[in-house]
C-alpha atoms as a PDB file:
ATOM      1  CA  UNK A   1      95.307 117.138  77.369  1.00  0.00           C
ATOM      2  CA  UNK A   2      94.214 113.738  75.989  1.00  0.00           C
ATOM      3  CA  UNK A   3      91.559 111.663  77.705  1.00  0.00           C
ATOM      4  CA  UNK A   4      94.159 109.069  78.662  1.00  0.00           C
ATOM      5  CA  UNK A   5      96.662 111.506  80.115  1.00  0.00           C
ATOM      6  CA  UNK A   6      93.899 113.325  82.010  1.00  0.00           C
ATOM      7  CA  UNK A   7      92.786 110.033  83.520  1.00  0.00           C
ATOM      8  CA  UNK A   8      96.395 109.200  84.480  1.00  0.00           C
ATOM      9  CA  UNK A   9      96.757 112.632  86.064  1.00  0.00           C
ATOM     10  CA  UNK A  10      93.596 112.091  88.150  1.00  0.00           C
ATOM     11  CA  UNK A  11      94.955 108.733  89.280  1.00  0.00           C
ATOM     12  CA  UNK A  12      98.367 110.285  90.073  1.00  0.00           C
ATOM     13  CA  UNK A  13      96.698 112.939  92.224  1.00  0.00           C
ATOM     14  CA  UNK A  14      94.771 110.281  94.113  1.00  0.00           C
ATOM     15  CA  UNK A  15      97.924 108.216  94.775  1.00  0.00           C
ATOM     16  CA  UNK A  16      99.871 111.257  95.902  1.00  0.00           C
ATOM     17  CA  UNK A  17      97.067 112.269  98.224  1.00  0.00           C
ATOM     18  CA  UNK A  18      96.858 108.803  99.830  1.00  0.00           C
ATOM     19  CA  UNK A  19     100.660 108.625 100.240  1.00  0.00           C
ATOM     20  CA  UNK A  20     101.575 112.153 101.286  1.00  0.00           C
ATOM     21  CA  UNK A  21      98.418 113.416 102.965  1.00  0.00           C
ATOM     22  CA  UNK A  22      96.820 110.324 104.449  1.00  0.00           C
ATOM     23  CA  UNK A  23     100.060 108.461 105.139  1.00  0.00           C
ATOM     24  CA  UNK A  24      99.054 105.184 103.489  1.00  0.00           C
ATOM     25  CA  UNK A  25     101.767 102.741 102.481  1.00  0.00           C
ATOM     26  CA  UNK A  26     102.502 101.992  98.830  1.00  0.00           C
ATOM     27  CA  UNK A  27     101.248  98.465  99.301  1.00  0.00           C
ATOM     28  CA  UNK A  28      98.006  99.682 100.881  1.00  0.00           C
ATOM     29  CA  UNK A  29      97.442 102.168  98.056  1.00  0.00           C
ATOM     30  CA  UNK A  30      98.094  99.408  95.499  1.00  0.00           C
ATOM     31  CA  UNK A  31      95.456  97.242  97.173  1.00  0.00           C
ATOM     32  CA  UNK A  32      92.842 100.053  97.368  1.00  0.00           C
ATOM     33  CA  UNK A  33      93.243 101.052  93.714  1.00  0.00           C
ATOM     34  CA  UNK A  34      93.773  97.616  92.219  1.00  0.00           C
ATOM     35  CA  UNK A  35      97.273  98.418  90.989  1.00  0.00           C
ATOM     36  CA  UNK A  36     100.651  96.817  91.398  1.00  0.00           C
ATOM     37  CA  UNK A  37     103.072  98.358  93.926  1.00  0.00           C
ATOM     38  CA  UNK A  38     105.446  99.037  91.032  1.00  0.00           C
ATOM     39  CA  UNK A  39     102.833 101.185  89.294  1.00  0.00           C
ATOM     40  CA  UNK A  40     102.151 103.084  92.508  1.00  0.00           C
ATOM     41  CA  UNK A  41     105.834 103.847  92.831  1.00  0.00           C
ATOM     42  CA  UNK A  42     106.021 105.035  89.190  1.00  0.00           C
ATOM     43  CA  UNK A  43     103.020 107.329  89.676  1.00  0.00           C
ATOM     44  CA  UNK A  44     104.537 108.803  92.863  1.00  0.00           C
ATOM     45  CA  UNK A  45     107.806 109.508  91.057  1.00  0.00           C
ATOM     46  CA  UNK A  46     106.045 111.030  88.067  1.00  0.00           C
ATOM     47  CA  UNK A  47     103.928 113.121  90.455  1.00  0.00           C
ATOM     48  CA  UNK A  48     107.084 114.618  91.904  1.00  0.00           C
ATOM     49  CA  UNK A  49     108.548 115.253  88.477  1.00  0.00           C
ATOM     50  CA  UNK A  50     105.369 116.932  87.168  1.00  0.00           C
ATOM     51  CA  UNK A  51     104.946 119.115  90.185  1.00  0.00           C
ATOM     52  CA  UNK A  52     101.739 117.468  91.392  1.00  0.00           C
ATOM     53  CA  UNK A  53     103.537 117.154  94.738  1.00  0.00           C
ATOM     54  CA  UNK A  54     105.353 120.115  96.239  1.00  0.00           C
ATOM     55  CA  UNK A  55     104.426 121.208  99.786  1.00  0.00           C
ATOM     56  CA  UNK A  56     100.893 120.009  99.114  1.00  0.00           C
ATOM     57  CA  UNK A  57      99.007 117.897  96.616  1.00  0.00           C
ATOM     58  CA  UNK A  58      97.806 119.904  93.645  1.00  0.00           C
ATOM     59  CA  UNK A  59      94.048 119.776  93.488  1.00  0.00           C
ATOM     60  CA  UNK A  60      92.935 119.344  89.881  1.00  0.00           C
ATOM     61  CA  UNK A  61      89.257 119.627  90.776  1.00  0.00           C
ATOM     62  CA  UNK A  62      88.644 120.313  94.465  1.00  0.00           C
ATOM     63  CA  UNK A  63      84.861 119.888  94.354  1.00  0.00           C
ATOM     64  CA  UNK A  64      85.004 116.537  92.597  1.00  0.00           C
ATOM     65  CA  UNK A  65      87.751 115.182  94.808  1.00  0.00           C
ATOM     66  CA  UNK A  66      85.839 116.109  97.952  1.00  0.00           C
ATOM     67  CA  UNK A  67      82.634 114.566  96.548  1.00  0.00           C
ATOM     68  CA  UNK A  68      84.548 111.354  95.750  1.00  0.00           C
ATOM     69  CA  UNK A  69      85.877 111.105  99.299  1.00  0.00           C
ATOM     70  CA  UNK A  70      82.401 111.740 100.780  1.00  0.00           C
ATOM     71  CA  UNK A  71      80.955 108.902  98.687  1.00  0.00           C
ATOM     72  CA  UNK A  72      83.779 106.559  99.630  1.00  0.00           C
ATOM     73  CA  UNK A  73      83.052 107.200 103.298  1.00  0.00           C
ATOM     74  CA  UNK A  74      79.245 107.116 103.055  1.00  0.00           C
ATOM     75  CA  UNK A  75      79.010 103.876 101.094  1.00  0.00           C
ATOM     76  CA  UNK A  76      82.224 102.212 102.356  1.00  0.00           C
ATOM     77  CA  UNK A  77      83.774 101.968  98.929  1.00  0.00           C
ATOM     78  CA  UNK A  78      87.406 101.517  97.977  1.00  0.00           C
ATOM     79  CA  UNK A  79      87.299 104.203  95.340  1.00  0.00           C
ATOM     80  CA  UNK A  80      84.949 106.613  93.554  1.00  0.00           C
ATOM     81  CA  UNK A  81      85.735 108.239  90.178  1.00  0.00           C
ATOM     82  CA  UNK A  82      83.557 111.232  89.276  1.00  0.00           C
ATOM     83  CA  UNK A  83      83.672 112.938  85.864  1.00  0.00           C
ATOM     84  CA  UNK A  84      82.141 116.320  85.044  1.00  0.00           C
ATOM     85  CA  UNK A  85      78.567 115.978  83.791  1.00  0.00           C
ATOM     86  CA  UNK A  86      78.520 116.628  79.997  1.00  0.00           C
ATOM     87  CA  UNK A  87      76.966 119.868  78.853  1.00  0.00           C
ATOM     88  CA  UNK A  88      74.215 120.297  76.298  1.00  0.00           C
ATOM     89  CA  UNK A  89      73.261 117.221  74.256  1.00  0.00           C
ATOM     90  CA  UNK A  90      76.387 115.295  75.033  1.00  0.00           C
ATOM     91  CA  UNK A  91      75.659 111.678  76.041  1.00  0.00           C
ATOM     92  CA  UNK A  92      76.746 110.893  79.599  1.00  0.00           C
ATOM     93  CA  UNK A  93      76.901 107.223  78.620  1.00  0.00           C
ATOM     94  CA  UNK A  94      79.714 107.909  76.152  1.00  0.00           C
ATOM     95  CA  UNK A  95      81.677 109.938  78.705  1.00  0.00           C
ATOM     96  CA  UNK A  96      81.279 107.248  81.385  1.00  0.00           C
ATOM     97  CA  UNK A  97      82.327 104.570  78.905  1.00  0.00           C
ATOM     98  CA  UNK A  98      85.516 106.545  78.261  1.00  0.00           C
ATOM     99  CA  UNK A  99      86.146 106.964  81.968  1.00  0.00           C
ATOM    100  CA  UNK A 100      85.578 103.234  82.602  1.00  0.00           C
ATOM    101  CA  UNK A 101      87.854 102.279  79.702  1.00  0.00           C
ATOM    102  CA  UNK A 102      90.590 104.520  81.091  1.00  0.00           C
ATOM    103  CA  UNK A 103      90.165 103.028  84.578  1.00  0.00           C
ATOM    104  CA  UNK A 104      90.249  99.445  83.282  1.00  0.00           C
ATOM    105  CA  UNK A 105      92.993 100.184  80.760  1.00  0.00           C
ATOM    106  CA  UNK A 106      95.321 101.378  83.507  1.00  0.00           C
ATOM    107  CA  UNK A 107      94.939  97.996  85.173  1.00  0.00           C
ATOM    108  CA  UNK A 108      95.276  95.755  82.133  1.00  0.00           C
ATOM    109  CA  UNK A 109      98.289  93.491  81.897  1.00  0.00           C
ATOM    110  CA  UNK A 110      99.076  90.520  79.701  1.00  0.00           C
ATOM    111  CA  UNK A 111      96.252  87.976  79.690  1.00  0.00           C
ATOM    112  CA  UNK A 112      94.029  89.941  82.086  1.00  0.00           C
ATOM    113  CA  UNK A 113      90.508  88.561  82.517  1.00  0.00           C
ATOM    114  CA  UNK A 114      87.619  90.965  83.020  1.00  0.00           C
ATOM    115  CA  UNK A 115      84.011  90.138  83.859  1.00  0.00           C
ATOM    116  CA  UNK A 116      81.443  92.411  82.202  1.00  0.00           C
ATOM    117  CA  UNK A 117      77.719  92.922  82.459  1.00  0.00           C
ATOM    118  CA  UNK A 118      75.486  93.832  79.485  1.00  0.00           C
ATOM    119  CA  UNK A 119      74.571  97.410  78.577  1.00  0.00           C
ATOM    120  CA  UNK A 120      75.430 100.331  76.338  1.00  0.00           C
ATOM    121  CA  UNK A 121      78.036 101.656  78.750  1.00  0.00           C
ATOM    122  CA  UNK A 122      79.949  98.415  79.051  1.00  0.00           C
ATOM    123  CA  UNK A 123      79.903  97.645  75.310  1.00  0.00           C
ATOM    124  CA  UNK A 124      81.111 101.158  74.549  1.00  0.00           C
ATOM    125  CA  UNK A 125      83.822 100.624  77.142  1.00  0.00           C
ATOM    126  CA  UNK A 126      84.862  97.509  75.299  1.00  0.00           C
ATOM    127  CA  UNK A 127      85.138  99.389  72.031  1.00  0.00           C
ATOM    128  CA  UNK A 128      87.212 102.049  73.753  1.00  0.00           C
ATOM    129  CA  UNK A 129      89.523  99.447  75.245  1.00  0.00           C
ATOM    130  CA  UNK A 130      90.268  98.234  71.743  1.00  0.00           C
ATOM    131  CA  UNK A 131      92.099 101.510  71.295  1.00  0.00           C
ATOM    132  CA  UNK A 132      93.727 101.676  74.728  1.00  0.00           C
ATOM    133  CA  UNK A 133      94.734  98.053  75.357  1.00  0.00           C
ATOM    134  CA  UNK A 134      98.320  97.053  74.604  1.00  0.00           C
ATOM    135  CA  UNK A 135      97.859  93.303  75.249  1.00  0.00           C
ATOM    136  CA  UNK A 136      95.478  90.469  74.540  1.00  0.00           C
ATOM    137  CA  UNK A 137      92.866  90.183  77.253  1.00  0.00           C
ATOM    138  CA  UNK A 138      89.663  88.242  77.935  1.00  0.00           C
ATOM    139  CA  UNK A 139      86.124  89.416  78.614  1.00  0.00           C
ATOM    140  CA  UNK A 140      83.728  87.083  80.432  1.00  0.00           C
ATOM    141  CA  UNK A 141      79.964  87.711  80.218  1.00  0.00           C
ATOM    142  CA  UNK A 142      78.059  87.905  83.509  1.00  0.00           C
ATOM    143  CA  UNK A 143      74.705  87.109  81.865  1.00  0.00           C
ATOM    144  CA  UNK A 144      73.142  85.361  78.933  1.00  0.00           C
ATOM    145  CA  UNK A 145      72.221  87.238  75.765  1.00  0.00           C
ATOM    146  CA  UNK A 146      75.002  86.945  73.191  1.00  0.00           C
ATOM    147  CA  UNK A 147      74.129  89.920  70.987  1.00  0.00           C
ATOM    148  CA  UNK A 148      74.274  92.508  73.766  1.00  0.00           C
ATOM    149  CA  UNK A 149      77.936  91.793  74.313  1.00  0.00           C
ATOM    150  CA  UNK A 150      79.094  92.077  70.719  1.00  0.00           C
ATOM    151  CA  UNK A 151      81.122  95.203  69.963  1.00  0.00           C
ATOM    152  CA  UNK A 152      80.764  97.481  66.961  1.00  0.00           C
ATOM    153  CA  UNK A 153      81.825  95.905  63.689  1.00  0.00           C
ATOM    154  CA  UNK A 154      84.311  98.780  63.165  1.00  0.00           C
ATOM    155  CA  UNK A 155      86.084  98.009  66.381  1.00  0.00           C
ATOM    156  CA  UNK A 156      89.296  96.016  66.878  1.00  0.00           C
ATOM    157  CA  UNK A 157      87.983  94.669  70.140  1.00  0.00           C
ATOM    158  CA  UNK A 158      87.601  91.286  68.446  1.00  0.00           C
ATOM    159  CA  UNK A 159      91.261  90.868  69.246  1.00  0.00           C
ATOM    160  CA  UNK A 160      90.038  90.272  72.789  1.00  0.00           C
ATOM    161  CA  UNK A 161      88.787  86.870  73.770  1.00  0.00           C
ATOM    162  CA  UNK A 162      85.027  86.982  74.450  1.00  0.00           C
ATOM    163  CA  UNK A 163      83.619  84.224  76.615  1.00  0.00           C
ATOM    164  CA  UNK A 164      79.820  84.266  76.313  1.00  0.00           C
ATOM    165  CA  UNK A 165      76.960  82.091  77.577  1.00  0.00           C
ATOM    166  CA  UNK A 166      75.443  80.407  74.487  1.00  0.00           C
ATOM    167  CA  UNK A 167      71.904  81.221  75.697  1.00  0.00           C
ATOM    168  CA  UNK A 168      69.398  84.060  76.043  1.00  0.00           C
ATOM    169  CA  UNK A 169      69.104  86.003  79.292  1.00  0.00           C
ATOM    170  CA  UNK A 170      65.624  84.694  80.129  1.00  0.00           C
ATOM    171  CA  UNK A 171      64.452  81.098  79.707  1.00  0.00           C
ATOM    172  CA  UNK A 172      60.986  79.502  79.734  1.00  0.00           C
ATOM    173  CA  UNK A 173      61.438  77.461  82.883  1.00  0.00           C
ATOM    174  CA  UNK A 174      63.561  77.087  85.990  1.00  0.00           C
ATOM    175  CA  UNK A 175      64.262  73.467  85.023  1.00  0.00           C
ATOM    176  CA  UNK A 176      65.727  74.509  81.664  1.00  0.00           C
ATOM    177  CA  UNK A 177      67.792  77.190  83.322  1.00  0.00           C
ATOM    178  CA  UNK A 178      69.175  74.790  85.892  1.00  0.00           C
ATOM    179  CA  UNK A 179      69.899  72.173  83.250  1.00  0.00           C
ATOM    180  CA  UNK A 180      71.896  74.582  81.119  1.00  0.00           C
ATOM    181  CA  UNK A 181      73.848  75.977  84.072  1.00  0.00           C
ATOM    182  CA  UNK A 182      75.025  72.403  84.783  1.00  0.00           C
ATOM    183  CA  UNK A 183      76.396  71.973  81.261  1.00  0.00           C
ATOM    184  CA  UNK A 184      80.200  71.914  80.962  1.00  0.00           C
ATOM    185  CA  UNK A 185      80.359  75.048  78.732  1.00  0.00           C
ATOM    186  CA  UNK A 186      78.373  77.046  81.257  1.00  0.00           C
ATOM    187  CA  UNK A 187      80.384  75.761  84.242  1.00  0.00           C
ATOM    188  CA  UNK A 188      83.632  76.729  82.491  1.00  0.00           C
ATOM    189  CA  UNK A 189      82.450  80.333  82.128  1.00  0.00           C
ATOM    190  CA  UNK A 190      81.447  80.416  85.804  1.00  0.00           C
ATOM    191  CA  UNK A 191      84.900  79.166  86.795  1.00  0.00           C
ATOM    192  CA  UNK A 192      86.634  81.636  84.509  1.00  0.00           C
ATOM    193  CA  UNK A 193      84.656  84.521  86.040  1.00  0.00           C
ATOM    194  CA  UNK A 194      85.944  83.572  89.533  1.00  0.00           C
ATOM    195  CA  UNK A 195      89.541  84.098  88.323  1.00  0.00           C
ATOM    196  CA  UNK A 196      88.948  87.532  86.820  1.00  0.00           C
ATOM    197  CA  UNK A 197      90.841  90.486  88.349  1.00  0.00           C
ATOM    198  CA  UNK A 198      88.108  93.029  87.479  1.00  0.00           C
ATOM    199  CA  UNK A 199      84.336  92.939  87.200  1.00  0.00           C
ATOM    200  CA  UNK A 200      82.521  95.814  85.449  1.00  0.00           C
ATOM    201  CA  UNK A 201      78.756  96.193  85.359  1.00  0.00           C
ATOM    202  CA  UNK A 202      76.228  98.978  84.765  1.00  0.00           C
ATOM    203  CA  UNK A 203      72.784  99.119  86.367  1.00  0.00           C
ATOM    204  CA  UNK A 204      70.011 100.050  83.942  1.00  0.00           C
ATOM    205  CA  UNK A 205      67.103 102.430  84.541  1.00  0.00           C
ATOM    206  CA  UNK A 206      63.480 101.475  84.007  1.00  0.00           C
ATOM    207  CA  UNK A 207      62.456 103.413  80.863  1.00  0.00           C
ATOM    208  CA  UNK A 208      61.110 102.391  77.433  1.00  0.00           C
ATOM    209  CA  UNK A 209      64.593 103.251  76.034  1.00  0.00           C
ATOM    210  CA  UNK A 210      66.392 100.872  78.432  1.00  0.00           C
ATOM    211  CA  UNK A 211      68.903  98.399  76.981  1.00  0.00           C
ATOM    212  CA  UNK A 212      66.872  95.397  78.124  1.00  0.00           C
ATOM    213  CA  UNK A 213      64.054  96.468  75.829  1.00  0.00           C
ATOM    214  CA  UNK A 214      66.086  97.937  72.949  1.00  0.00           C
ATOM    215  CA  UNK A 215      68.197  94.784  72.724  1.00  0.00           C
ATOM    216  CA  UNK A 216      65.194  92.456  72.877  1.00  0.00           C
ATOM    217  CA  UNK A 217      66.053  90.858  76.206  1.00  0.00           C
ATOM    218  CA  UNK A 218      62.585  91.780  77.482  1.00  0.00           C
ATOM    219  CA  UNK A 219      59.483  93.290  75.891  1.00  0.00           C
ATOM    220  CA  UNK A 220      57.740  96.601  76.508  1.00  0.00           C
ATOM    221  CA  UNK A 221      54.958  94.757  78.385  1.00  0.00           C
ATOM    222  CA  UNK A 222      57.609  93.520  80.778  1.00  0.00           C
ATOM    223  CA  UNK A 223      58.644  97.129  81.461  1.00  0.00           C
ATOM    224  CA  UNK A 224      55.085  97.988  82.415  1.00  0.00           C
ATOM    225  CA  UNK A 225      54.782  94.866  84.536  1.00  0.00           C
ATOM    226  CA  UNK A 226      58.049  95.460  86.447  1.00  0.00           C
ATOM    227  CA  UNK A 227      57.170  99.114  86.957  1.00  0.00           C
ATOM    228  CA  UNK A 228      53.838  98.148  88.515  1.00  0.00           C
ATOM    229  CA  UNK A 229      55.715  95.869  90.910  1.00  0.00           C
ATOM    230  CA  UNK A 230      57.805  98.820  92.099  1.00  0.00           C
ATOM    231  CA  UNK A 231      61.005  98.182  90.160  1.00  0.00           C
ATOM    232  CA  UNK A 232      63.398 101.117  89.707  1.00  0.00           C
ATOM    233  CA  UNK A 233      65.722  99.328  87.241  1.00  0.00           C
ATOM    234  CA  UNK A 234      67.763  96.208  86.722  1.00  0.00           C
ATOM    235  CA  UNK A 235      71.187  94.973  87.793  1.00  0.00           C
ATOM    236  CA  UNK A 236      72.430  92.210  85.511  1.00  0.00           C
ATOM    237  CA  UNK A 237      68.821  91.398  84.655  1.00  0.00           C
ATOM    238  CA  UNK A 238      67.659  91.342  88.275  1.00  0.00           C
ATOM    239  CA  UNK A 239      64.778  93.832  88.541  1.00  0.00           C
ATOM    240  CA  UNK A 240      64.886  95.500  91.990  1.00  0.00           C
ATOM    241  CA  UNK A 241      62.969  98.073  93.953  1.00  0.00           C
ATOM    242  CA  UNK A 242      64.480 101.129  95.614  1.00  0.00           C
ATOM    243  CA  UNK A 243      65.714  99.036  98.513  1.00  0.00           C
ATOM    244  CA  UNK A 244      67.337  96.409  96.296  1.00  0.00           C
ATOM    245  CA  UNK A 245      64.718  93.704  96.746  1.00  0.00           C
ATOM    246  CA  UNK A 246      63.991  91.554  93.665  1.00  0.00           C
ATOM    247  CA  UNK A 247      60.396  92.363  92.571  1.00  0.00           C
ATOM    248  CA  UNK A 248      59.611  89.169  90.626  1.00  0.00           C
ATOM    249  CA  UNK A 249      61.351  86.033  91.986  1.00  0.00           C
ATOM    250  CA  UNK A 250      59.658  83.793  89.426  1.00  0.00           C
ATOM    251  CA  UNK A 251      61.207  85.635  86.458  1.00  0.00           C
ATOM    252  CA  UNK A 252      64.479  86.031  88.341  1.00  0.00           C
ATOM    253  CA  UNK A 253      64.806  82.278  88.842  1.00  0.00           C
ATOM    254  CA  UNK A 254      64.668  81.766  85.063  1.00  0.00           C
ATOM    255  CA  UNK A 255      67.576  84.056  84.220  1.00  0.00           C
ATOM    256  CA  UNK A 256      71.033  83.126  82.957  1.00  0.00           C
ATOM    257  CA  UNK A 257      72.866  85.621  85.124  1.00  0.00           C
ATOM    258  CA  UNK A 258      75.118  86.215  88.069  1.00  0.00           C
ATOM    259  CA  UNK A 259      73.560  86.377  91.514  1.00  0.00           C
ATOM    260  CA  UNK A 260      74.211  89.259  93.859  1.00  0.00           C
ATOM    261  CA  UNK A 261      75.886  86.901  96.327  1.00  0.00           C
ATOM    262  CA  UNK A 262      78.323  85.694  93.661  1.00  0.00           C
ATOM    263  CA  UNK A 263      78.894  89.234  92.339  1.00  0.00           C
ATOM    264  CA  UNK A 264      80.140  90.356  95.729  1.00  0.00           C
ATOM    265  CA  UNK A 265      82.809  87.639  95.642  1.00  0.00           C
ATOM    266  CA  UNK A 266      84.235  88.461  92.178  1.00  0.00           C
ATOM    267  CA  UNK A 267      87.465  90.334  91.513  1.00  0.00           C
ATOM    268  CA  UNK A 268      87.443  94.123  92.102  1.00  0.00           C
ATOM    269  CA  UNK A 269      83.821  95.072  91.250  1.00  0.00           C
ATOM    270  CA  UNK A 270      83.437  98.334  89.337  1.00  0.00           C
ATOM    271  CA  UNK A 271      79.988  99.858  88.859  1.00  0.00           C
ATOM    272  CA  UNK A 272      79.753 102.490  86.112  1.00  0.00           C
ATOM    273  CA  UNK A 273      76.487 104.344  85.608  1.00  0.00           C
ATOM    274  CA  UNK A 274      74.898 107.778  85.569  1.00  0.00           C
ATOM    275  CA  UNK A 275      71.843 109.781  84.503  1.00  0.00           C
ATOM    276  CA  UNK A 276      68.649 110.829  86.255  1.00  0.00           C
ATOM    277  CA  UNK A 277      66.759 107.702  85.132  1.00  0.00           C
ATOM    278  CA  UNK A 278      69.334 105.500  86.883  1.00  0.00           C
ATOM    279  CA  UNK A 279      69.748 107.284  90.243  1.00  0.00           C
ATOM    280  CA  UNK A 280      67.361 105.016  92.157  1.00  0.00           C
ATOM    281  CA  UNK A 281      68.760 101.730  90.847  1.00  0.00           C
ATOM    282  CA  UNK A 282      72.335 102.990  91.506  1.00  0.00           C
ATOM    283  CA  UNK A 283      71.331 103.776  95.089  1.00  0.00           C
ATOM    284  CA  UNK A 284      69.850 100.283  95.394  1.00  0.00           C
ATOM    285  CA  UNK A 285      73.135  98.723  94.157  1.00  0.00           C
ATOM    286  CA  UNK A 286      75.098 100.795  96.654  1.00  0.00           C
ATOM    287  CA  UNK A 287      72.767  99.718  99.469  1.00  0.00           C
ATOM    288  CA  UNK A 288      73.368  96.091  98.459  1.00  0.00           C
ATOM    289  CA  UNK A 289      77.177  96.691  98.502  1.00  0.00           C
ATOM    290  CA  UNK A 290      77.577  95.183  95.064  1.00  0.00           C
ATOM    291  CA  UNK A 291      80.707  97.191  94.105  1.00  0.00           C
ATOM    292  CA  UNK A 292      84.054  98.346  95.504  1.00  0.00           C
ATOM    293  CA  UNK A 293      84.544 101.066  92.894  1.00  0.00           C
ATOM    294  CA  UNK A 294      81.954 103.469  91.507  1.00  0.00           C
ATOM    295  CA  UNK A 295      82.380 105.538  88.353  1.00  0.00           C
ATOM    296  CA  UNK A 296      79.734 108.184  87.655  1.00  0.00           C
ATOM    297  CA  UNK A 297      79.186 111.855  86.733  1.00  0.00           C
ATOM    298  CA  UNK A 298      78.986 114.853  89.021  1.00  0.00           C
ATOM    299  CA  UNK A 299      75.234 115.479  88.749  1.00  0.00           C
ATOM    300  CA  UNK A 300      74.387 111.838  89.499  1.00  0.00           C
ATOM    301  CA  UNK A 301      76.789 111.751  92.427  1.00  0.00           C
ATOM    302  CA  UNK A 302      75.422 114.987  93.840  1.00  0.00           C
ATOM    303  CA  UNK A 303      71.791 113.731  93.531  1.00  0.00           C
ATOM    304  CA  UNK A 304      72.689 110.463  95.288  1.00  0.00           C
ATOM    305  CA  UNK A 305      74.440 112.199  98.151  1.00  0.00           C
ATOM    306  CA  UNK A 306      71.595 114.714  98.583  1.00  0.00           C
ATOM    307  CA  UNK A 307      69.177 111.865  99.214  1.00  0.00           C
ATOM    308  CA  UNK A 308      71.500 109.742 101.382  1.00  0.00           C
END
């Protein structure tokens, strides 16, 4: 089974479950999953044809489905997508990027606009979407830092329209940050972000290998400094503690980024992240209710639920 067809089958199972087992209407299902009602109808019909629906909904992976529903209820999310944790040396980031690309790809239509945060997972998702996407679409950066949003040179993702802040993530002063954010080019990106139908971001753990260090957004001394302040990771450049509180307001006020208040108002927010070094920052993001959809792996999901 291909990755795309497997993802479609998982989505089909979820739609059939909502419709036949929980009695939700097609319109309600479409709203919960961020799909059109026409797509919901097509998946229901295909589910009947493929035998996913008979006298009961076929359970493709009972343990994962139950874990997904528990997380939806616990954190009051619209949807949770859990993939099996890779075995051996396989990179969970790659697998999550594929899962995120499949999720977003199912919801792409002509001229779709998607907001994206920086990070290895989201950039790999962009590269994957270059293969899956059938139409031209736009990606809007949620933070400064041009280089961290650029896809691999081998990718066809350049067919997408990238809307980036022409500035680094961190500036020298609050005054400079405020001045730039008032420029027309910056305001246009902010307005475009408000119109996006999807927003995808990935919290980062606090390790020397973290993207914010590897990509030169911050220095290793910053990692030590934030760690001493009690940070467990960053969300769009905002360094937070285990409860989601920003640990260094002075630095935070100098960032070209999207605030948590604004993030909550953007189109269908999807958080994709996993790995033991990111568990605490993911929990912080969930406490802050920054997403409606959460994509992760089984081990990360199990660890989060064990401590919740």
